[in-house]
């Protein structure tokens, strides 16, 4: 009998692994972190089995470490994400994302009459709920929930 083939994703020597991303939000995380413009090795997988999420995604970024502000931005679309910091193939630190109290310039206000949608004004929100991420626009006071959130 033939041995089943096994495909594996190679470990990274140094960098960051972002795990527990909802599968449907993988490309939003890539966009938020600007990984589409990054020139080091990036490996990602999606629709992987997860007891917690059902289907999850994972991203491995070689030779890249993120500031806490960047990490917390991904909490908008991946509030359960976990980061593993890798040095010399070993996990040296684990981080959990945290939804910040204020969000600036990441999400679009869903109110079509909001000044941020027709003037060169950066969006600013106060986070109303961190569990099911809900934002309140600091300009027009419209509430934007996770279902209607558009990442810019």
N, C-alpha and C. Protein backbone atom coordinates (compact mmCIF):
# COMPACT_ATOMS: atom_id res chain seq x y z
N UNK A 1 0.84 -1.18 0.00
CA UNK A 1 0.00 0.00 0.00
C UNK A 1 0.88 1.25 0.00
N UNK A 2 0.45 2.21 -0.78
CA UNK A 2 1.21 3.45 -0.92
C UNK A 2 1.05 4.34 0.31
N UNK A 3 2.15 4.97 0.74
CA UNK A 3 2.09 5.93 1.85
C UNK A 3 1.33 7.17 1.38
N UNK A 4 0.44 7.70 2.24
CA UNK A 4 -0.25 8.93 1.83
C UNK A 4 0.74 10.09 1.78
N UNK A 5 0.57 10.94 0.79
CA UNK A 5 1.44 12.10 0.68
C UNK A 5 1.06 13.11 1.74
N UNK A 6 2.05 13.75 2.28
CA UNK A 6 1.78 14.76 3.29
C UNK A 6 2.40 16.07 2.82
N UNK A 7 1.58 17.10 2.84
CA UNK A 7 2.07 18.43 2.51
C UNK A 7 2.25 19.18 3.81
N UNK A 8 3.35 19.87 3.91
CA UNK A 8 3.54 20.65 5.13
C UNK A 8 4.03 22.03 4.78
N UNK A 9 3.76 22.97 5.69
CA UNK A 9 4.22 24.33 5.51
C UNK A 9 5.47 24.45 6.34
N UNK A 10 6.53 24.91 5.73
CA UNK A 10 7.79 24.96 6.46
C UNK A 10 7.74 25.99 7.58
N UNK A 11 8.50 25.71 8.62
CA UNK A 11 8.60 26.62 9.75
C UNK A 11 9.39 27.85 9.32
N UNK A 12 9.17 28.95 10.00
CA UNK A 12 9.98 30.14 9.70
C UNK A 12 11.05 30.27 10.77
N UNK A 13 12.21 30.76 10.37
CA UNK A 13 13.32 30.89 11.32
C UNK A 13 13.07 32.06 12.27
N UNK A 14 12.68 33.21 11.71
CA UNK A 14 12.40 34.40 12.50
C UNK A 14 11.19 35.09 11.90
N UNK A 15 10.34 35.65 12.75
CA UNK A 15 9.18 36.38 12.24
C UNK A 15 7.97 36.20 13.13
N UNK A 16 6.80 36.31 12.52
CA UNK A 16 5.54 36.29 13.26
C UNK A 16 4.57 35.32 12.60
N UNK A 17 3.89 34.56 13.44
CA UNK A 17 2.80 33.69 12.98
C UNK A 17 1.51 34.24 13.58
N UNK A 18 0.53 34.52 12.73
CA UNK A 18 -0.78 34.99 13.19
C UNK A 18 -1.75 33.84 12.99
N UNK A 19 -2.31 33.37 14.09
CA UNK A 19 -3.18 32.19 14.06
C UNK A 19 -4.57 32.59 14.55
N UNK A 20 -5.53 31.73 14.31
CA UNK A 20 -6.93 31.92 14.75
C UNK A 20 -7.59 33.13 14.09
N UNK A 21 -7.33 33.30 12.81
CA UNK A 21 -8.01 34.33 12.01
C UNK A 21 -9.25 33.68 11.43
N UNK A 22 -10.43 34.30 11.54
CA UNK A 22 -11.59 33.71 10.85
C UNK A 22 -11.27 33.58 9.36
N UNK A 23 -11.54 32.41 8.79
CA UNK A 23 -11.16 32.14 7.40
C UNK A 23 -11.66 33.22 6.45
N UNK A 24 -12.88 33.71 6.66
CA UNK A 24 -13.45 34.70 5.73
C UNK A 24 -12.75 36.06 5.83
N UNK A 25 -11.93 36.26 6.87
CA UNK A 25 -11.28 37.56 7.06
C UNK A 25 -9.78 37.55 6.78
N UNK A 26 -9.27 36.46 6.23
CA UNK A 26 -7.84 36.35 5.95
C UNK A 26 -7.34 37.54 5.13
N UNK A 27 -7.99 37.85 4.04
CA UNK A 27 -7.48 38.89 3.15
C UNK A 27 -7.66 40.29 3.73
N UNK A 28 -8.62 40.44 4.64
CA UNK A 28 -8.76 41.72 5.36
C UNK A 28 -7.54 41.93 6.26
N UNK A 29 -7.09 40.88 6.94
CA UNK A 29 -5.90 40.98 7.80
C UNK A 29 -4.68 41.31 6.94
N UNK A 30 -4.54 40.64 5.82
CA UNK A 30 -3.42 40.91 4.90
C UNK A 30 -3.43 42.38 4.49
N UNK A 31 -4.61 42.90 4.18
CA UNK A 31 -4.76 44.30 3.76
C UNK A 31 -4.43 45.26 4.91
N UNK A 32 -5.01 45.01 6.08
CA UNK A 32 -4.80 45.90 7.24
C UNK A 32 -3.32 46.01 7.59
N UNK A 33 -2.60 44.91 7.51
CA UNK A 33 -1.17 44.91 7.88
C UNK A 33 -0.26 45.30 6.71
N UNK A 34 -0.84 45.54 5.53
CA UNK A 34 -0.04 45.95 4.38
C UNK A 34 0.86 44.83 3.85
N UNK A 35 0.47 43.59 4.10
CA UNK A 35 1.30 42.46 3.68
C UNK A 35 1.34 42.28 2.17
N UNK A 36 0.36 42.86 1.47
CA UNK A 36 0.36 42.78 0.00
C UNK A 36 1.52 43.60 -0.59
N UNK A 37 2.16 44.46 0.21
CA UNK A 37 3.29 45.28 -0.26
C UNK A 37 4.60 44.84 0.39
N UNK A 38 4.57 43.74 1.11
CA UNK A 38 5.72 43.26 1.86
C UNK A 38 6.54 42.34 0.97
N UNK A 39 7.88 42.45 1.02
CA UNK A 39 8.68 41.66 0.08
C UNK A 39 9.43 40.48 0.70
N UNK A 40 9.10 40.11 1.93
CA UNK A 40 9.69 38.90 2.52
C UNK A 40 8.71 37.73 2.34
N UNK A 41 9.15 36.54 2.69
CA UNK A 41 8.32 35.35 2.51
C UNK A 41 7.09 35.42 3.41
N UNK A 42 5.93 35.17 2.81
CA UNK A 42 4.67 35.09 3.55
C UNK A 42 3.98 33.81 3.12
N UNK A 43 3.57 33.02 4.09
CA UNK A 43 2.83 31.80 3.82
C UNK A 43 1.49 31.92 4.52
N UNK A 44 0.42 31.59 3.82
CA UNK A 44 -0.87 31.59 4.51
C UNK A 44 -1.69 30.39 4.08
N UNK A 45 -2.56 30.00 4.99
CA UNK A 45 -3.48 28.90 4.72
C UNK A 45 -4.85 29.33 5.19
N UNK A 46 -5.85 28.87 4.53
CA UNK A 46 -7.21 29.23 4.92
C UNK A 46 -8.12 28.02 4.87
N UNK A 47 -9.27 28.15 5.52
CA UNK A 47 -10.25 27.06 5.63
C UNK A 47 -9.64 25.82 6.30
N UNK A 48 -8.78 26.08 7.30
CA UNK A 48 -8.19 25.00 8.08
C UNK A 48 -9.14 24.67 9.22
N UNK A 49 -9.14 23.43 9.66
CA UNK A 49 -10.04 23.02 10.74
C UNK A 49 -9.67 23.72 12.04
N UNK A 50 -10.70 24.17 12.77
CA UNK A 50 -10.49 24.81 14.07
C UNK A 50 -11.65 24.45 14.98
N UNK A 51 -11.34 23.95 16.17
CA UNK A 51 -12.40 23.63 17.13
C UNK A 51 -13.12 24.89 17.57
N UNK A 52 -12.37 25.97 17.71
CA UNK A 52 -12.92 27.22 18.23
C UNK A 52 -13.70 28.01 17.17
N UNK A 53 -13.15 28.08 15.93
CA UNK A 53 -13.74 28.92 14.89
C UNK A 53 -14.48 28.15 13.80
N UNK A 54 -14.38 26.83 13.80
CA UNK A 54 -14.93 26.06 12.68
C UNK A 54 -13.89 26.01 11.57
N UNK A 55 -13.74 27.13 10.86
CA UNK A 55 -12.70 27.26 9.83
C UNK A 55 -11.85 28.46 10.19
N UNK A 56 -10.54 28.28 10.10
CA UNK A 56 -9.64 29.37 10.45
C UNK A 56 -8.60 29.57 9.36
N UNK A 57 -7.87 30.68 9.49
CA UNK A 57 -6.75 30.97 8.60
C UNK A 57 -5.52 31.22 9.47
N UNK A 58 -4.36 31.10 8.85
CA UNK A 58 -3.09 31.35 9.53
C UNK A 58 -2.17 32.06 8.54
N UNK A 59 -1.34 32.95 9.07
CA UNK A 59 -0.35 33.67 8.24
C UNK A 59 1.00 33.55 8.93
N UNK A 60 2.03 33.19 8.15
CA UNK A 60 3.40 33.17 8.65
C UNK A 60 4.19 34.21 7.87
N UNK A 61 4.80 35.15 8.60
CA UNK A 61 5.53 36.24 7.96
C UNK A 61 6.98 36.17 8.41
N UNK A 62 7.87 35.89 7.48
CA UNK A 62 9.30 35.78 7.81
C UNK A 62 9.89 37.17 8.03
N UNK A 63 10.75 37.26 9.05
CA UNK A 63 11.54 38.47 9.32
C UNK A 63 10.70 39.73 9.52
N UNK A 64 9.53 39.58 10.13
CA UNK A 64 8.67 40.75 10.39
C UNK A 64 8.08 40.63 11.79
N UNK A 65 8.20 41.73 12.53
CA UNK A 65 7.59 41.83 13.85
C UNK A 65 6.72 43.07 13.84
N UNK A 66 5.60 43.02 14.51
CA UNK A 66 4.63 44.10 14.45
C UNK A 66 4.59 44.91 15.74
N UNK A 67 4.32 46.21 15.58
CA UNK A 67 4.09 47.08 16.73
C UNK A 67 2.72 46.73 17.30
N UNK A 68 2.51 47.01 18.59
CA UNK A 68 1.22 46.73 19.22
C UNK A 68 0.07 47.43 18.51
N UNK A 69 0.30 48.64 18.00
CA UNK A 69 -0.77 49.36 17.29
C UNK A 69 -1.23 48.58 16.06
N UNK A 70 -0.29 47.99 15.33
CA UNK A 70 -0.64 47.18 14.15
C UNK A 70 -1.39 45.93 14.57
N UNK A 71 -0.90 45.30 15.62
CA UNK A 71 -1.51 44.07 16.10
C UNK A 71 -2.96 44.34 16.51
N UNK A 72 -3.18 45.42 17.21
CA UNK A 72 -4.52 45.73 17.69
C UNK A 72 -5.47 46.11 16.56
N UNK A 73 -4.95 46.60 15.45
CA UNK A 73 -5.80 46.92 14.30
C UNK A 73 -6.47 45.67 13.73
N UNK A 74 -5.75 44.53 13.76
CA UNK A 74 -6.35 43.33 13.19
C UNK A 74 -7.46 42.79 14.07
N UNK A 75 -7.53 43.27 15.32
CA UNK A 75 -8.60 42.83 16.23
C UNK A 75 -9.97 43.18 15.68
N UNK A 76 -10.04 44.18 14.80
CA UNK A 76 -11.33 44.56 14.21
C UNK A 76 -11.94 43.41 13.41
N UNK A 77 -11.11 42.64 12.73
CA UNK A 77 -11.61 41.57 11.87
C UNK A 77 -11.23 40.18 12.36
N UNK A 78 -10.32 40.13 13.35
CA UNK A 78 -9.90 38.84 13.91
C UNK A 78 -9.70 38.98 15.42
N UNK A 79 -10.82 39.19 16.15
CA UNK A 79 -10.70 39.47 17.59
C UNK A 79 -10.12 38.33 18.42
N UNK A 80 -10.07 37.12 17.90
CA UNK A 80 -9.51 35.99 18.64
C UNK A 80 -8.11 35.60 18.15
N UNK A 81 -7.52 36.44 17.32
CA UNK A 81 -6.21 36.10 16.75
C UNK A 81 -5.15 36.01 17.83
N UNK A 82 -4.21 35.11 17.59
CA UNK A 82 -3.06 34.92 18.48
C UNK A 82 -1.81 35.10 17.62
N UNK A 83 -0.80 35.74 18.20
CA UNK A 83 0.47 35.93 17.50
C UNK A 83 1.56 35.18 18.22
N UNK A 84 2.36 34.47 17.45
CA UNK A 84 3.53 33.80 17.99
C UNK A 84 4.75 34.48 17.38
N UNK A 85 5.63 34.97 18.25
CA UNK A 85 6.86 35.61 17.81
C UNK A 85 7.93 34.53 17.77
N UNK A 86 8.58 34.39 16.61
CA UNK A 86 9.53 33.30 16.37
C UNK A 86 10.95 33.85 16.26
N UNK A 87 11.87 33.26 17.02
CA UNK A 87 13.30 33.54 16.88
C UNK A 87 14.02 32.21 16.83
N UNK A 88 14.81 32.02 15.78
CA UNK A 88 15.58 30.79 15.59
C UNK A 88 14.69 29.55 15.70
N UNK A 89 13.57 29.58 15.01
CA UNK A 89 12.59 28.49 14.91
C UNK A 89 11.83 28.21 16.20
N UNK A 90 12.03 28.98 17.24
CA UNK A 90 11.35 28.77 18.52
C UNK A 90 10.36 29.89 18.80
N UNK A 91 9.22 29.55 19.42
CA UNK A 91 8.27 30.56 19.86
C UNK A 91 8.85 31.20 21.12
N UNK A 92 9.15 32.51 21.03
CA UNK A 92 9.75 33.19 22.18
C UNK A 92 8.73 34.08 22.91
N UNK A 93 7.61 34.36 22.23
CA UNK A 93 6.58 35.18 22.86
C UNK A 93 5.25 34.91 22.19
N UNK A 94 4.20 34.92 23.00
CA UNK A 94 2.83 34.78 22.48
C UNK A 94 2.08 36.06 22.82
N UNK A 95 1.33 36.59 21.84
CA UNK A 95 0.55 37.80 22.07
C UNK A 95 -0.90 37.54 21.66
N UNK A 96 -1.80 38.21 22.35
CA UNK A 96 -3.22 38.15 22.03
C UNK A 96 -3.62 39.53 21.56
N UNK A 97 -4.41 39.62 20.49
CA UNK A 97 -4.84 40.94 20.03
C UNK A 97 -5.86 41.52 21.00
N UNK A 98 -5.89 42.83 21.07
CA UNK A 98 -6.83 43.54 21.91
C UNK A 98 -7.47 44.64 21.09
N UNK A 99 -8.78 44.73 21.15
CA UNK A 99 -9.46 45.80 20.43
C UNK A 99 -9.15 47.11 21.16
N UNK A 100 -8.58 48.10 20.46
CA UNK A 100 -8.27 49.37 21.12
C UNK A 100 -9.54 50.17 21.43
N UNK A 101 -9.42 51.21 22.23
CA UNK A 101 -10.57 52.06 22.60
C UNK A 101 -11.00 52.97 21.45
N UNK A 102 -10.02 53.35 20.62
CA UNK A 102 -10.30 54.24 19.48
C UNK A 102 -9.66 53.67 18.22
N UNK A 103 -10.34 53.87 17.10
CA UNK A 103 -9.88 53.38 15.80
C UNK A 103 -9.79 54.60 14.87
N UNK A 104 -8.65 54.78 14.23
CA UNK A 104 -8.47 55.91 13.32
C UNK A 104 -8.00 55.41 11.96
N UNK A 105 -8.72 55.80 10.91
CA UNK A 105 -8.28 55.56 9.55
C UNK A 105 -8.24 54.13 9.07
N UNK A 106 -8.97 53.24 9.72
CA UNK A 106 -8.94 51.83 9.31
C UNK A 106 -10.28 51.41 8.70
N UNK A 107 -11.36 51.86 9.32
CA UNK A 107 -12.70 51.46 8.87
C UNK A 107 -13.42 52.68 8.28
N UNK A 108 -14.40 52.39 7.44
CA UNK A 108 -15.21 53.43 6.79
C UNK A 108 -16.51 53.61 7.58
N UNK A 109 -16.95 54.86 7.72
CA UNK A 109 -18.23 55.10 8.38
C UNK A 109 -19.34 54.68 7.42
N UNK A 110 -20.34 53.98 7.95
CA UNK A 110 -21.40 53.48 7.07
C UNK A 110 -22.48 54.53 6.77
N UNK A 111 -22.37 55.72 7.36
CA UNK A 111 -23.31 56.80 7.08
C UNK A 111 -22.87 57.53 5.81
N UNK A 112 -23.65 57.41 4.72
CA UNK A 112 -23.24 58.04 3.47
C UNK A 112 -23.14 59.58 3.57
N UNK A 113 -23.78 60.17 4.56
CA UNK A 113 -23.74 61.63 4.72
C UNK A 113 -22.61 62.09 5.64
N UNK A 114 -21.87 61.16 6.21
CA UNK A 114 -20.77 61.52 7.11
C UNK A 114 -19.69 62.28 6.34
N UNK A 115 -19.12 63.28 6.99
CA UNK A 115 -18.08 64.10 6.36
C UNK A 115 -16.90 63.27 5.87
N UNK A 116 -16.64 62.14 6.54
CA UNK A 116 -15.49 61.30 6.16
C UNK A 116 -15.69 60.61 4.81
N UNK A 117 -16.93 60.59 4.33
CA UNK A 117 -17.20 59.93 3.05
C UNK A 117 -17.19 60.86 1.86
N UNK A 118 -17.05 62.17 2.09
CA UNK A 118 -16.95 63.06 0.93
C UNK A 118 -15.94 64.18 1.11
N UNK A 119 -15.23 64.23 2.22
CA UNK A 119 -14.14 65.18 2.43
C UNK A 119 -12.87 64.38 2.74
N UNK A 120 -11.74 65.02 2.61
CA UNK A 120 -10.46 64.37 2.96
C UNK A 120 -10.27 64.40 4.48
N UNK A 121 -11.12 63.69 5.20
CA UNK A 121 -11.08 63.64 6.65
C UNK A 121 -10.88 62.18 7.06
N UNK A 122 -9.89 61.93 7.88
CA UNK A 122 -9.60 60.57 8.34
C UNK A 122 -10.70 60.11 9.30
N UNK A 123 -11.18 58.88 9.12
CA UNK A 123 -12.24 58.36 9.99
C UNK A 123 -11.72 58.18 11.41
N UNK A 124 -12.60 58.44 12.38
CA UNK A 124 -12.26 58.24 13.79
C UNK A 124 -13.49 57.65 14.49
N UNK A 125 -13.25 56.57 15.22
CA UNK A 125 -14.35 55.90 15.92
C UNK A 125 -13.97 55.64 17.36
N UNK A 126 -14.98 55.64 18.23
CA UNK A 126 -14.83 55.14 19.59
C UNK A 126 -15.38 53.72 19.56
N UNK A 127 -14.69 52.79 20.18
CA UNK A 127 -15.15 51.41 20.22
C UNK A 127 -16.21 51.30 21.31
N UNK A 128 -17.43 50.94 20.89
CA UNK A 128 -18.57 50.82 21.81
C UNK A 128 -18.61 49.43 22.42
N UNK A 129 -18.31 48.42 21.60
CA UNK A 129 -18.29 47.03 22.08
C UNK A 129 -17.04 46.35 21.54
N UNK A 130 -16.31 45.69 22.42
CA UNK A 130 -15.10 44.98 22.00
C UNK A 130 -15.38 43.51 21.72
N UNK A 131 -16.48 42.99 22.24
CA UNK A 131 -16.82 41.57 22.05
C UNK A 131 -17.24 41.34 20.60
N UNK A 132 -18.36 41.93 20.19
CA UNK A 132 -18.75 41.94 18.78
C UNK A 132 -18.43 43.35 18.32
N UNK A 133 -17.24 43.53 17.76
CA UNK A 133 -16.70 44.87 17.53
C UNK A 133 -17.74 45.81 16.92
N UNK A 134 -18.04 46.89 17.67
CA UNK A 134 -19.00 47.90 17.25
C UNK A 134 -18.35 49.26 17.45
N UNK A 135 -18.44 50.10 16.42
CA UNK A 135 -17.79 51.40 16.43
C UNK A 135 -18.80 52.53 16.35
N UNK A 136 -18.50 53.65 17.01
CA UNK A 136 -19.33 54.85 16.93
C UNK A 136 -18.49 55.96 16.32
N UNK A 137 -18.94 56.51 15.20
CA UNK A 137 -18.22 57.56 14.50
C UNK A 137 -18.14 58.81 15.39
N UNK A 138 -16.95 59.39 15.51
CA UNK A 138 -16.78 60.58 16.33
C UNK A 138 -17.27 61.85 15.63
N UNK A 139 -17.60 61.75 14.33
CA UNK A 139 -18.11 62.90 13.59
C UNK A 139 -19.63 62.92 13.55
N UNK A 140 -20.23 61.82 13.09
CA UNK A 140 -21.69 61.81 12.89
C UNK A 140 -22.43 60.96 13.93
N UNK A 141 -21.67 60.23 14.77
CA UNK A 141 -22.22 59.38 15.83
C UNK A 141 -22.98 58.15 15.35
N UNK A 142 -22.86 57.82 14.07
CA UNK A 142 -23.48 56.61 13.52
C UNK A 142 -22.73 55.38 14.04
N UNK A 143 -23.48 54.34 14.36
CA UNK A 143 -22.90 53.08 14.84
C UNK A 143 -22.61 52.16 13.64
N UNK A 144 -21.43 51.59 13.62
CA UNK A 144 -21.05 50.61 12.60
C UNK A 144 -20.73 49.31 13.33
N UNK A 145 -21.45 48.23 12.98
CA UNK A 145 -21.17 46.95 13.61
C UNK A 145 -20.25 46.11 12.72
N UNK A 146 -19.83 44.98 13.24
CA UNK A 146 -18.86 44.14 12.52
C UNK A 146 -19.40 43.65 11.18
N UNK A 147 -20.69 43.41 11.10
CA UNK A 147 -21.29 42.92 9.86
C UNK A 147 -21.21 43.96 8.74
N UNK A 148 -21.30 45.24 9.10
CA UNK A 148 -21.31 46.32 8.11
C UNK A 148 -19.98 47.05 8.00
N UNK A 149 -18.96 46.54 8.68
CA UNK A 149 -17.67 47.21 8.69
C UNK A 149 -16.94 47.02 7.37
N UNK A 150 -16.48 48.12 6.83
CA UNK A 150 -15.70 48.09 5.60
C UNK A 150 -14.31 48.62 5.92
N UNK A 151 -13.31 47.79 5.72
CA UNK A 151 -11.92 48.17 6.01
C UNK A 151 -11.36 48.95 4.82
N UNK A 152 -10.76 50.11 5.13
CA UNK A 152 -10.21 50.94 4.05
C UNK A 152 -8.70 50.85 3.97
